[in-house]
Each structure stands twice: as structure tokens, then as C-alpha cells.
Amino acid sequence: MDYVDCLENDRVIRNFIQGKLWKKLKAQFRGQVVLPLFLHFDDYDPNSALGSHANSHSLGALYAFIPCLPPQLRSRIENMFLVIAMLTKDHKKCGNAIAFNPVIEELKYLQETGLSIYANSVRHRVYFCYSLLVADNKGNNTVQGYVESFSANFYCRICKMHRNDASRKCCADAALRRNADNYQTDVDRNDFTQTGVKDMCVWNKLPLYHNTQNISCDVMHDIYEGMLMCGLCAILRNLIVDREYFSLETFHERVAGFDYGPSDSGNKPCIARLTIDRF
């Protein structure tokens, strides 16, 4: 709670609780002790080394974590809680409503009843508000009832732009942004080829959650493993070729001499591939 107080008094936005969405959610608890709760979902193959039959053992796992813990505690495995694990084939067969109903009931309890916690000789009632689903694009679309194929006509969970336009435009049209009204219209239409919506989002059963408002993106897949490479190449070309701030040889020396440490030593880029043509 000391860290939460520190964040609330910090002008630099570095945590979810400093944003507009959390302030809106927190206001519903009227001065009670409430903390945000994030869920993370992903499919993984525990038997991937077995070859082509590994997919039959694919699992979908849902984890919970508190995003406003101090950084040195947030990244510890002991503070990441496994909520549910299921066979992916069972998830597809049963659907989101059946698969996640027990989780939704638990989240309702944490939000409406909370937990009684004894600390510093004082008993506190702490509430937890489910705020965001953190997942890659496929996982997010799967769990929230959108189409899972990104070759579909309307694959975006944030806007209703057609894929032909999305492949060319850099900015979304504000008029195409998904909201509670047009989302309900798409659900009632029941035609995912024209809406991108397969099923009603099961998480909308929670009082303070709606999938068109509680939106998150995956920084690793969207930026670090996605657009960052294209942007960084353009930046390097501009600095080396256009502005001539440093030479390609200097860049090679810096890359070769950088201390990657034991964790990133296997990710050291090949100098021979760092050429102007590749930028």
C-alpha cells in the first residue's frame, strides 16, 4: 500500500493504477481498500518435443497477478497465481462460457465480498477488481469471443475496420471504434464473418468489466517482436546513412562489444547480417 500511495502521488505514469480506467473503477468502491487484478491467458504445448502429435496435449492456462505490487515483488513466480488449466481441445468443445464460469464466480466474490486480511495487528477488508486480460492477440480474441483467424474480414477486437483497410492504414477511424452499443448489435446479428464477434464476451458478466472498455495490448508480441524491428531498422538507416552520426563499422563494434550477460548471450545478433541493405 505504501507503493500504491507513492504511485498515486507520482506525475510520471508507470503503472496501471495511475491511468484513467483504474480511477474510474476505484471510484465505485467509495474509499474501500481495492486492488486491481489482471488475468493472463495463453496456450502452450508441454510435449512439443514429441513432434506432430504434441498439439493433442495443448493446454490453456489462466494466471492472475496484482499489477500494483512493487517491481521487485511483481516479477516473482510466487506472486503469479495459476487460476485454471484446461486441455485446449476441451476449451474449444465447451466454449468460454462453460470453461471460465468458475473463474467468473471467484472474481465476483473477490470484487463484492473481498478478503479479510490481518496485518500489523489490524484486520482489513481488501477487495480485488478484475481490470484487464493480458494475452497475445490470438489468446485475447479467443477468450473474449472474437474470431481467432487474422485473415478474417473483421479480426480486430478494438475496432471494426475491414482487413483490407487495416493492411494499408496507419491510424484507425474513431467512428469504427468498438463500443458497448455496436458490440451488442454485432452479438445480436450473430454473423462473425461480418462483425468479427463469435460469442458474447463471458467476462462482461462482471459488473465493472466490458471488453470494449477494458482493453489491453501485448507489448512483447506487438512491439518487441513486431513493429519494433521495422522501426529500429528505419532509425538506424537514418542515423548511419542520412545523418551520418556514426558509421556502420562503429555500430558493428558497439554490437560486438556489448555485454549481453548470461541471460541474453544466446540472442547476440550476427554482425554479418547487420548491413545497410537489411536496414
C-alpha atoms as a PDB file:
ATOM      1  CA  MET A   1       0.000   0.000   0.000  1.00  0.00           C
ATOM      2  CA  ASP A   2       2.973   2.307   0.543  1.00  0.00           C
ATOM      3  CA  TYR A   3       3.977   1.663  -3.069  1.00  0.00           C
ATOM      4  CA  VAL A   4       0.408   2.383  -4.227  1.00  0.00           C
ATOM      5  CA  ASP A   5       0.441   5.692  -2.352  1.00  0.00           C
ATOM      6  CA  CYS A   6       3.802   6.516  -3.938  1.00  0.00           C
ATOM      7  CA  LEU A   7       2.426   5.847  -7.429  1.00  0.00           C
ATOM      8  CA  GLU A   8      -0.675   7.921  -6.866  1.00  0.00           C
ATOM      9  CA  ASN A   9       1.496  10.913  -5.968  1.00  0.00           C
ATOM     10  CA  ASP A  10       3.868  10.415  -8.909  1.00  0.00           C
ATOM     11  CA  ARG A  11       3.316  12.570 -12.006  1.00  0.00           C
ATOM     12  CA  VAL A  12       5.115  10.039 -14.231  1.00  0.00           C
ATOM     13  CA  ILE A  13       2.694   7.318 -15.364  1.00  0.00           C
ATOM     14  CA  ARG A  14       4.424   3.998 -14.770  1.00  0.00           C
ATOM     15  CA  ASN A  15       1.626   1.740 -13.571  1.00  0.00           C
ATOM     16  CA  PHE A  16      -1.965   0.826 -14.401  1.00  0.00           C
ATOM     17  CA  ILE A  17      -3.374   2.403 -11.234  1.00  0.00           C
ATOM     18  CA  GLN A  18      -2.259   5.837 -12.460  1.00  0.00           C
ATOM     19  CA  GLY A  19      -4.475   5.647 -15.550  1.00  0.00           C
ATOM     20  CA  LYS A  20      -7.998   6.894 -16.179  1.00  0.00           C
ATOM     21  CA  LEU A  21      -9.573   3.425 -16.303  1.00  0.00           C
ATOM     22  CA  TRP A  22      -8.437   2.459 -12.802  1.00  0.00           C
ATOM     23  CA  LYS A  23      -9.522   5.783 -11.340  1.00  0.00           C
ATOM     24  CA  LYS A  24     -12.959   5.174 -12.816  1.00  0.00           C
ATOM     25  CA  LEU A  25     -13.124   1.639 -11.402  1.00  0.00           C
ATOM     26  CA  LYS A  26     -11.771   2.600  -7.990  1.00  0.00           C
ATOM     27  CA  ALA A  27     -14.427   5.305  -7.579  1.00  0.00           C
ATOM     28  CA  GLN A  28     -17.067   2.554  -7.462  1.00  0.00           C
ATOM     29  CA  PHE A  29     -15.641   1.222  -4.167  1.00  0.00           C
ATOM     30  CA  ARG A  30     -16.086   4.518  -2.271  1.00  0.00           C
ATOM     31  CA  GLY A  31     -12.943   4.666  -0.164  1.00  0.00           C
ATOM     32  CA  GLN A  32     -12.572   0.932   0.477  1.00  0.00           C
ATOM     33  CA  VAL A  33      -9.226  -0.807   0.044  1.00  0.00           C
ATOM     34  CA  VAL A  34      -9.291  -2.170  -3.509  1.00  0.00           C
ATOM     35  CA  LEU A  35      -6.519  -3.507  -5.729  1.00  0.00           C
ATOM     36  CA  PRO A  36      -6.608  -4.262  -9.477  1.00  0.00           C
ATOM     37  CA  LEU A  37      -6.347  -7.843 -10.667  1.00  0.00           C
ATOM     38  CA  PHE A  38      -5.035  -8.860 -14.095  1.00  0.00           C
ATOM     39  CA  LEU A  39      -5.577 -12.213 -15.806  1.00  0.00           C
ATOM     40  CA  HIS A  40      -3.091 -13.652 -18.282  1.00  0.00           C
ATOM     41  CA  PHE A  41      -4.075 -16.377 -20.762  1.00  0.00           C
ATOM     42  CA  ASP A  42      -2.009 -18.432 -23.193  1.00  0.00           C
ATOM     43  CA  ASP A  43      -1.940 -21.851 -24.814  1.00  0.00           C
ATOM     44  CA  TYR A  44       1.217 -23.921 -24.583  1.00  0.00           C
ATOM     45  CA  ASP A  45       2.405 -27.382 -25.637  1.00  0.00           C
ATOM     46  CA  PRO A  46       4.026 -29.278 -22.745  1.00  0.00           C
ATOM     47  CA  ASN A  47       5.003 -32.125 -25.090  1.00  0.00           C
ATOM     48  CA  SER A  48       6.261 -30.061 -28.029  1.00  0.00           C
ATOM     49  CA  ALA A  49       9.396 -32.226 -28.252  1.00  0.00           C
ATOM     50  CA  LEU A  50       7.242 -35.200 -29.230  1.00  0.00           C
ATOM     51  CA  GLY A  51       6.587 -33.867 -32.722  1.00  0.00           C
ATOM     52  CA  SER A  52       3.381 -33.641 -34.743  1.00  0.00           C
ATOM     53  CA  HIS A  53       1.144 -35.236 -32.092  1.00  0.00           C
ATOM     54  CA  ALA A  54       2.048 -32.709 -29.401  1.00  0.00           C
ATOM     55  CA  ASN A  55      -0.923 -30.456 -30.189  1.00  0.00           C
ATOM     56  CA  SER A  56      -3.316 -33.049 -28.801  1.00  0.00           C
ATOM     57  CA  HIS A  57      -1.872 -32.286 -25.355  1.00  0.00           C
ATOM     58  CA  SER A  58      -2.005 -28.488 -25.718  1.00  0.00           C
ATOM     59  CA  LEU A  59      -3.105 -26.707 -22.547  1.00  0.00           C
ATOM     60  CA  GLY A  60      -4.709 -23.339 -21.970  1.00  0.00           C
ATOM     61  CA  ALA A  61      -3.628 -21.686 -18.734  1.00  0.00           C
ATOM     62  CA  LEU A  62      -5.093 -18.673 -16.954  1.00  0.00           C
ATOM     63  CA  TYR A  63      -2.996 -16.826 -14.389  1.00  0.00           C
ATOM     64  CA  ALA A  64      -3.795 -13.955 -12.027  1.00  0.00           C
ATOM     65  CA  PHE A  65      -1.469 -11.276 -10.714  1.00  0.00           C
ATOM     66  CA  ILE A  66      -1.658  -7.928  -8.939  1.00  0.00           C
ATOM     67  CA  PRO A  67      -0.132  -5.248 -11.210  1.00  0.00           C
ATOM     68  CA  CYS A  68       0.469  -2.666  -8.459  1.00  0.00           C
ATOM     69  CA  LEU A  69       2.907  -4.748  -6.408  1.00  0.00           C
ATOM     70  CA  PRO A  70       6.388  -3.220  -6.107  1.00  0.00           C
ATOM     71  CA  PRO A  71       8.539  -4.257  -9.130  1.00  0.00           C
ATOM     72  CA  GLN A  72      10.838  -6.485  -7.043  1.00  0.00           C
ATOM     73  CA  LEU A  73       7.781  -8.487  -5.900  1.00  0.00           C
ATOM     74  CA  ARG A  74       5.638  -8.362  -9.035  1.00  0.00           C
ATOM     75  CA  SER A  75       8.035 -10.463 -11.114  1.00  0.00           C
ATOM     76  CA  ARG A  76       8.370 -13.280  -8.571  1.00  0.00           C
ATOM     77  CA  ILE A  77       6.716 -16.561  -9.523  1.00  0.00           C
ATOM     78  CA  GLU A  78       5.236 -16.850  -6.025  1.00  0.00           C
ATOM     79  CA  ASN A  79       3.108 -13.787  -6.801  1.00  0.00           C
ATOM     80  CA  MET A  80       1.700 -15.211 -10.048  1.00  0.00           C
ATOM     81  CA  PHE A  81      -1.252 -17.478  -9.333  1.00  0.00           C
ATOM     82  CA  LEU A  82      -2.468 -20.296 -11.558  1.00  0.00           C
ATOM     83  CA  VAL A  83      -6.246 -19.876 -11.738  1.00  0.00           C
ATOM     84  CA  ILE A  84      -7.226 -22.626 -14.152  1.00  0.00           C
ATOM     85  CA  ALA A  85      -5.644 -25.013 -16.653  1.00  0.00           C
ATOM     86  CA  MET A  86      -7.546 -26.943 -19.296  1.00  0.00           C
ATOM     87  CA  LEU A  87      -6.973 -29.001 -22.401  1.00  0.00           C
ATOM     88  CA  THR A  88      -7.240 -26.738 -25.436  1.00  0.00           C
ATOM     89  CA  LYS A  89      -9.424 -29.274 -27.226  1.00  0.00           C
ATOM     90  CA  ASP A  90     -11.844 -29.291 -24.265  1.00  0.00           C
ATOM     91  CA  HIS A  91     -11.880 -25.489 -24.250  1.00  0.00           C
ATOM     92  CA  LYS A  92     -12.836 -25.418 -27.937  1.00  0.00           C
ATOM     93  CA  LYS A  93     -15.514 -28.057 -27.382  1.00  0.00           C
ATOM     94  CA  CYS A  94     -17.123 -26.480 -24.298  1.00  0.00           C
ATOM     95  CA  GLY A  95     -16.679 -22.807 -25.161  1.00  0.00           C
ATOM     96  CA  ASN A  96     -15.744 -19.852 -22.996  1.00  0.00           C
ATOM     97  CA  ALA A  97     -18.988 -19.728 -21.016  1.00  0.00           C
ATOM     98  CA  ILE A  98     -18.517 -23.180 -19.503  1.00  0.00           C
ATOM     99  CA  ALA A  99     -14.724 -23.084 -19.291  1.00  0.00           C
ATOM    100  CA  PHE A 100     -14.491 -19.797 -17.384  1.00  0.00           C
ATOM    101  CA  ASN A 101     -17.705 -19.795 -15.346  1.00  0.00           C
ATOM    102  CA  PRO A 102     -15.942 -20.924 -12.114  1.00  0.00           C
ATOM    103  CA  VAL A 103     -13.365 -18.166 -12.573  1.00  0.00           C
ATOM    104  CA  ILE A 104     -16.042 -15.526 -13.073  1.00  0.00           C
ATOM    105  CA  GLU A 105     -17.774 -16.606  -9.856  1.00  0.00           C
ATOM    106  CA  GLU A 106     -14.488 -16.295  -7.949  1.00  0.00           C
ATOM    107  CA  LEU A 107     -13.855 -12.848  -9.416  1.00  0.00           C
ATOM    108  CA  LYS A 108     -17.337 -11.735  -8.377  1.00  0.00           C
ATOM    109  CA  TYR A 109     -16.610 -12.893  -4.834  1.00  0.00           C
ATOM    110  CA  LEU A 110     -13.298 -11.028  -4.693  1.00  0.00           C
ATOM    111  CA  GLN A 111     -14.950  -7.892  -6.042  1.00  0.00           C
ATOM    112  CA  GLU A 112     -18.144  -7.910  -3.975  1.00  0.00           C
ATOM    113  CA  THR A 113     -17.103  -9.666  -0.738  1.00  0.00           C
ATOM    114  CA  GLY A 114     -13.333  -9.318  -0.739  1.00  0.00           C
ATOM    115  CA  LEU A 115     -10.840 -10.971   1.594  1.00  0.00           C
ATOM    116  CA  SER A 116     -10.278 -10.400   5.278  1.00  0.00           C
ATOM    117  CA  ILE A 117      -6.544  -9.839   5.799  1.00  0.00           C
ATOM    118  CA  TYR A 118      -4.812  -9.493   9.180  1.00  0.00           C
ATOM    119  CA  ALA A 119      -1.710  -7.284   9.035  1.00  0.00           C
ATOM    120  CA  ASN A 120       0.119  -5.110  11.568  1.00  0.00           C
ATOM    121  CA  SER A 121      -2.319  -6.145  14.335  1.00  0.00           C
ATOM    122  CA  VAL A 122      -5.238  -4.803  12.286  1.00  0.00           C
ATOM    123  CA  ARG A 123      -7.840  -6.708  10.273  1.00  0.00           C
ATOM    124  CA  HIS A 124      -8.543  -5.222   6.846  1.00  0.00           C
ATOM    125  CA  ARG A 125     -11.163  -5.943   4.200  1.00  0.00           C
ATOM    126  CA  VAL A 126      -9.434  -5.912   0.809  1.00  0.00           C
ATOM    127  CA  TYR A 127     -11.338  -6.032  -2.482  1.00  0.00           C
ATOM    128  CA  PHE A 128      -9.947  -7.060  -5.858  1.00  0.00           C
ATOM    129  CA  CYS A 129     -11.298  -5.692  -9.128  1.00  0.00           C
ATOM    130  CA  TYR A 130     -10.652  -7.614 -12.342  1.00  0.00           C
ATOM    131  CA  SER A 131      -9.415  -4.933 -14.709  1.00  0.00           C
ATOM    132  CA  LEU A 132      -7.549  -6.316 -17.731  1.00  0.00           C
ATOM    133  CA  LEU A 133      -6.953  -9.513 -19.670  1.00  0.00           C
ATOM    134  CA  VAL A 134      -3.309  -9.751 -20.723  1.00  0.00           C
ATOM    135  CA  ALA A 135      -2.636 -12.086 -23.654  1.00  0.00           C
ATOM    136  CA  ASP A 136      -1.307 -12.126 -27.186  1.00  0.00           C
ATOM    137  CA  ASN A 137      -3.733 -11.197 -29.970  1.00  0.00           C
ATOM    138  CA  LYS A 138      -4.896 -14.761 -30.602  1.00  0.00           C
ATOM    139  CA  GLY A 139      -5.353 -15.510 -26.910  1.00  0.00           C
ATOM    140  CA  ASN A 140      -7.218 -12.262 -26.337  1.00  0.00           C
ATOM    141  CA  ASN A 141      -9.554 -12.891 -29.267  1.00  0.00           C
ATOM    142  CA  THR A 142     -10.140 -16.485 -28.175  1.00  0.00           C
ATOM    143  CA  VAL A 143     -11.011 -15.754 -24.562  1.00  0.00           C
ATOM    144  CA  GLN A 144     -13.188 -12.730 -25.392  1.00  0.00           C
ATOM    145  CA  GLY A 145     -15.231 -14.395 -28.125  1.00  0.00           C
ATOM    146  CA  TYR A 146     -13.787 -12.766 -31.265  1.00  0.00           C
ATOM    147  CA  VAL A 147     -12.663 -14.555 -34.414  1.00  0.00           C
ATOM    148  CA  GLU A 148      -9.292 -16.273 -33.983  1.00  0.00           C
ATOM    149  CA  SER A 149      -8.107 -16.070 -37.598  1.00  0.00           C
ATOM    150  CA  PHE A 150      -6.311 -12.869 -38.586  1.00  0.00           C
ATOM    151  CA  SER A 151      -7.244 -13.405 -42.217  1.00  0.00           C
ATOM    152  CA  ALA A 152     -10.907 -12.894 -41.236  1.00  0.00           C
ATOM    153  CA  ASN A 153     -12.740  -9.848 -42.567  1.00  0.00           C
ATOM    154  CA  PHE A 154     -13.003  -8.175 -39.156  1.00  0.00           C
ATOM    155  CA  TYR A 155     -10.295  -9.577 -36.906  1.00  0.00           C
ATOM    156  CA  CYS A 156      -9.601  -6.576 -34.659  1.00  0.00           C
ATOM    157  CA  ARG A 157     -11.080  -6.610 -31.157  1.00  0.00           C
ATOM    158  CA  ILE A 158     -10.570  -2.837 -30.780  1.00  0.00           C
ATOM    159  CA  CYS A 159     -12.150  -1.523 -33.976  1.00  0.00           C
ATOM    160  CA  LYS A 160     -14.435  -2.658 -36.802  1.00  0.00           C
ATOM    161  CA  MET A 161     -12.062  -1.931 -39.681  1.00  0.00           C
ATOM    162  CA  HIS A 162     -12.063  -4.405 -42.577  1.00  0.00           C
ATOM    163  CA  ARG A 163      -8.814  -6.321 -43.035  1.00  0.00           C
ATOM    164  CA  ASN A 164      -8.247  -4.780 -46.496  1.00  0.00           C
ATOM    165  CA  ASP A 165      -8.209  -1.313 -44.928  1.00  0.00           C
ATOM    166  CA  ALA A 166      -6.267  -2.416 -41.845  1.00  0.00           C
ATOM    167  CA  SER A 167      -3.401  -3.667 -44.027  1.00  0.00           C
ATOM    168  CA  ARG A 168      -2.926  -0.181 -45.542  1.00  0.00           C
ATOM    169  CA  LYS A 169      -3.863   2.379 -42.904  1.00  0.00           C
ATOM    170  CA  CYS A 170      -1.626   3.594 -40.082  1.00  0.00           C
ATOM    171  CA  CYS A 171      -4.417   5.111 -37.977  1.00  0.00           C
ATOM    172  CA  ALA A 172      -7.848   3.799 -37.060  1.00  0.00           C
ATOM    173  CA  ASP A 173     -11.030   5.744 -37.759  1.00  0.00           C
ATOM    174  CA  ALA A 174     -12.566   6.816 -34.439  1.00  0.00           C
ATOM    175  CA  ALA A 175     -16.027   6.119 -35.860  1.00  0.00           C
ATOM    176  CA  LEU A 176     -15.082   2.441 -36.240  1.00  0.00           C
ATOM    177  CA  ARG A 177     -14.047   2.006 -32.597  1.00  0.00           C
ATOM    178  CA  ARG A 178     -15.925  -0.811 -30.875  1.00  0.00           C
ATOM    179  CA  ASN A 179     -18.174   0.316 -28.020  1.00  0.00           C
ATOM    180  CA  ALA A 180     -20.862  -1.237 -25.843  1.00  0.00           C
ATOM    181  CA  ASP A 181     -23.679  -0.316 -28.243  1.00  0.00           C
ATOM    182  CA  ASN A 182     -22.247  -1.510 -31.569  1.00  0.00           C
ATOM    183  CA  TYR A 183     -20.783  -4.569 -29.818  1.00  0.00           C
ATOM    184  CA  GLN A 184     -24.239  -5.620 -28.615  1.00  0.00           C
ATOM    185  CA  THR A 185     -25.565  -5.042 -32.135  1.00  0.00           C
ATOM    186  CA  ASP A 186     -22.858  -7.341 -33.514  1.00  0.00           C
ATOM    187  CA  VAL A 187     -23.657 -10.011 -30.930  1.00  0.00           C
ATOM    188  CA  ASP A 188     -27.364  -9.902 -31.839  1.00  0.00           C
ATOM    189  CA  ARG A 189     -26.517 -10.056 -35.547  1.00  0.00           C
ATOM    190  CA  ASN A 190     -24.782 -13.408 -34.955  1.00  0.00           C
ATOM    191  CA  ASP A 191     -22.660 -13.314 -38.118  1.00  0.00           C
ATOM    192  CA  PHE A 192     -18.947 -13.317 -37.291  1.00  0.00           C
ATOM    193  CA  THR A 193     -17.981 -13.046 -40.976  1.00  0.00           C
ATOM    194  CA  GLN A 194     -19.443  -9.521 -40.994  1.00  0.00           C
ATOM    195  CA  THR A 195     -18.756  -8.488 -37.386  1.00  0.00           C
ATOM    196  CA  GLY A 196     -15.763 -10.467 -36.094  1.00  0.00           C
ATOM    197  CA  VAL A 197     -17.785 -11.436 -32.998  1.00  0.00           C
ATOM    198  CA  LYS A 198     -18.383 -15.159 -32.471  1.00  0.00           C
ATOM    199  CA  ASP A 199     -19.859 -15.153 -28.954  1.00  0.00           C
ATOM    200  CA  MET A 200     -20.806 -12.706 -26.227  1.00  0.00           C
ATOM    201  CA  CYS A 201     -17.762 -11.978 -24.059  1.00  0.00           C
ATOM    202  CA  VAL A 202     -18.227 -14.034 -20.871  1.00  0.00           C
ATOM    203  CA  TRP A 203     -16.222 -11.526 -18.805  1.00  0.00           C
ATOM    204  CA  ASN A 204     -18.926  -8.915 -19.358  1.00  0.00           C
ATOM    205  CA  LYS A 205     -20.919 -10.725 -16.656  1.00  0.00           C
ATOM    206  CA  LEU A 206     -18.712  -8.918 -14.157  1.00  0.00           C
ATOM    207  CA  PRO A 207     -20.262  -5.601 -13.051  1.00  0.00           C
ATOM    208  CA  LEU A 208     -17.240  -3.363 -13.743  1.00  0.00           C
ATOM    209  CA  TYR A 209     -15.864  -5.039 -16.860  1.00  0.00           C
ATOM    210  CA  HIS A 210     -16.676  -4.626 -20.538  1.00  0.00           C
ATOM    211  CA  ASN A 211     -14.437  -5.927 -23.290  1.00  0.00           C
ATOM    212  CA  THR A 212     -14.760  -2.738 -25.372  1.00  0.00           C
ATOM    213  CA  GLN A 213     -13.605  -0.570 -22.444  1.00  0.00           C
ATOM    214  CA  ASN A 214     -11.119  -2.754 -20.535  1.00  0.00           C
ATOM    215  CA  ILE A 215      -8.703  -3.089 -23.458  1.00  0.00           C
ATOM    216  CA  SER A 216      -5.096  -4.255 -23.315  1.00  0.00           C
ATOM    217  CA  CYS A 217      -2.395  -4.980 -25.900  1.00  0.00           C
ATOM    218  CA  ASP A 218       0.569  -7.320 -25.640  1.00  0.00           C
ATOM    219  CA  VAL A 219       3.789  -5.301 -25.611  1.00  0.00           C
ATOM    220  CA  MET A 220       6.031  -8.297 -26.330  1.00  0.00           C
ATOM    221  CA  HIS A 221       4.304  -9.574 -29.488  1.00  0.00           C
ATOM    222  CA  ASP A 222       3.027  -6.235 -30.799  1.00  0.00           C
ATOM    223  CA  ILE A 223       6.176  -4.172 -30.194  1.00  0.00           C
ATOM    224  CA  TYR A 224       9.266  -6.123 -29.110  1.00  0.00           C
ATOM    225  CA  GLU A 225       8.692  -8.985 -31.568  1.00  0.00           C
ATOM    226  CA  GLY A 226       6.588  -6.958 -34.016  1.00  0.00           C
ATOM    227  CA  MET A 227       6.788  -3.332 -35.106  1.00  0.00           C
ATOM    228  CA  LEU A 228       9.950  -2.511 -33.126  1.00  0.00           C
ATOM    229  CA  MET A 229      12.209  -4.293 -35.609  1.00  0.00           C
ATOM    230  CA  CYS A 230      10.812  -2.309 -38.565  1.00  0.00           C
ATOM    231  CA  GLY A 231      11.043   0.969 -36.686  1.00  0.00           C
ATOM    232  CA  LEU A 232      14.546   0.306 -35.368  1.00  0.00           C
ATOM    233  CA  CYS A 233      15.840  -0.533 -38.861  1.00  0.00           C
ATOM    234  CA  ALA A 234      14.480   2.760 -40.195  1.00  0.00           C
ATOM    235  CA  ILE A 235      16.072   4.657 -37.285  1.00  0.00           C
ATOM    236  CA  LEU A 236      19.472   3.009 -37.809  1.00  0.00           C
ATOM    237  CA  ARG A 237      19.416   3.725 -41.539  1.00  0.00           C
ATOM    238  CA  ASN A 238      18.571   7.365 -40.872  1.00  0.00           C
ATOM    239  CA  LEU A 239      21.356   7.770 -38.292  1.00  0.00           C
ATOM    240  CA  ILE A 240      24.030   5.960 -40.328  1.00  0.00           C
ATOM    241  CA  VAL A 241      23.209   6.825 -43.953  1.00  0.00           C
ATOM    242  CA  ASP A 242      21.167  10.034 -43.923  1.00  0.00           C
ATOM    243  CA  ARG A 243      22.567  11.954 -40.957  1.00  0.00           C
ATOM    244  CA  GLU A 244      25.956  10.174 -40.747  1.00  0.00           C
ATOM    245  CA  TYR A 245      26.069  10.431 -36.943  1.00  0.00           C
ATOM    246  CA  PHE A 246      28.220   7.288 -36.847  1.00  0.00           C
ATOM    247  CA  SER A 247      29.494   4.696 -39.301  1.00  0.00           C
ATOM    248  CA  LEU A 248      28.378   1.145 -39.871  1.00  0.00           C
ATOM    249  CA  GLU A 249      31.780  -0.027 -38.593  1.00  0.00           C
ATOM    250  CA  THR A 250      31.270   1.841 -35.319  1.00  0.00           C
ATOM    251  CA  PHE A 251      27.853   0.254 -34.960  1.00  0.00           C
ATOM    252  CA  HIS A 252      29.373  -3.209 -35.531  1.00  0.00           C
ATOM    253  CA  GLU A 253      31.999  -2.531 -32.854  1.00  0.00           C
ATOM    254  CA  ARG A 254      29.381  -1.476 -30.326  1.00  0.00           C
ATOM    255  CA  VAL A 255      27.246  -4.551 -31.015  1.00  0.00           C
ATOM    256  CA  ALA A 256      30.235  -6.870 -30.744  1.00  0.00           C
ATOM    257  CA  GLY A 257      31.486  -5.241 -27.526  1.00  0.00           C
ATOM    258  CA  PHE A 258      28.152  -5.017 -25.721  1.00  0.00           C
ATOM    259  CA  ASP A 259      27.859  -7.069 -22.525  1.00  0.00           C
ATOM    260  CA  TYR A 260      24.794  -9.234 -23.113  1.00  0.00           C
ATOM    261  CA  GLY A 261      25.173 -11.101 -19.842  1.00  0.00           C
ATOM    262  CA  PRO A 262      24.382 -14.777 -19.215  1.00  0.00           C
ATOM    263  CA  SER A 263      20.647 -14.464 -19.953  1.00  0.00           C
ATOM    264  CA  ASP A 264      20.921 -12.762 -23.374  1.00  0.00           C
ATOM    265  CA  SER A 265      24.207 -14.149 -24.656  1.00  0.00           C
ATOM    266  CA  GLY A 266      22.307 -16.527 -26.940  1.00  0.00           C
ATOM    267  CA  ASN A 267      20.464 -13.604 -28.544  1.00  0.00           C
ATOM    268  CA  LYS A 268      23.563 -11.745 -29.712  1.00  0.00           C
ATOM    269  CA  PRO A 269      22.931 -10.630 -33.327  1.00  0.00           C
ATOM    270  CA  CYS A 270      25.133 -11.804 -36.180  1.00  0.00           C
ATOM    271  CA  ILE A 271      27.396  -8.920 -37.269  1.00  0.00           C
ATOM    272  CA  ALA A 272      27.475 -10.163 -40.880  1.00  0.00           C
ATOM    273  CA  ARG A 273      23.715  -9.655 -41.154  1.00  0.00           C
ATOM    274  CA  LEU A 274      23.783  -6.051 -39.873  1.00  0.00           C
ATOM    275  CA  THR A 275      24.215  -4.383 -43.260  1.00  0.00           C
ATOM    276  CA  ILE A 276      22.717  -1.262 -44.790  1.00  0.00           C
ATOM    277  CA  ASP A 277      20.773  -3.378 -47.272  1.00  0.00           C
ATOM    278  CA  ARG A 278      18.973  -5.091 -44.402  1.00  0.00           C
ATOM    279  CA  PHE A 279      18.124  -1.742 -42.800  1.00  0.00           C
END
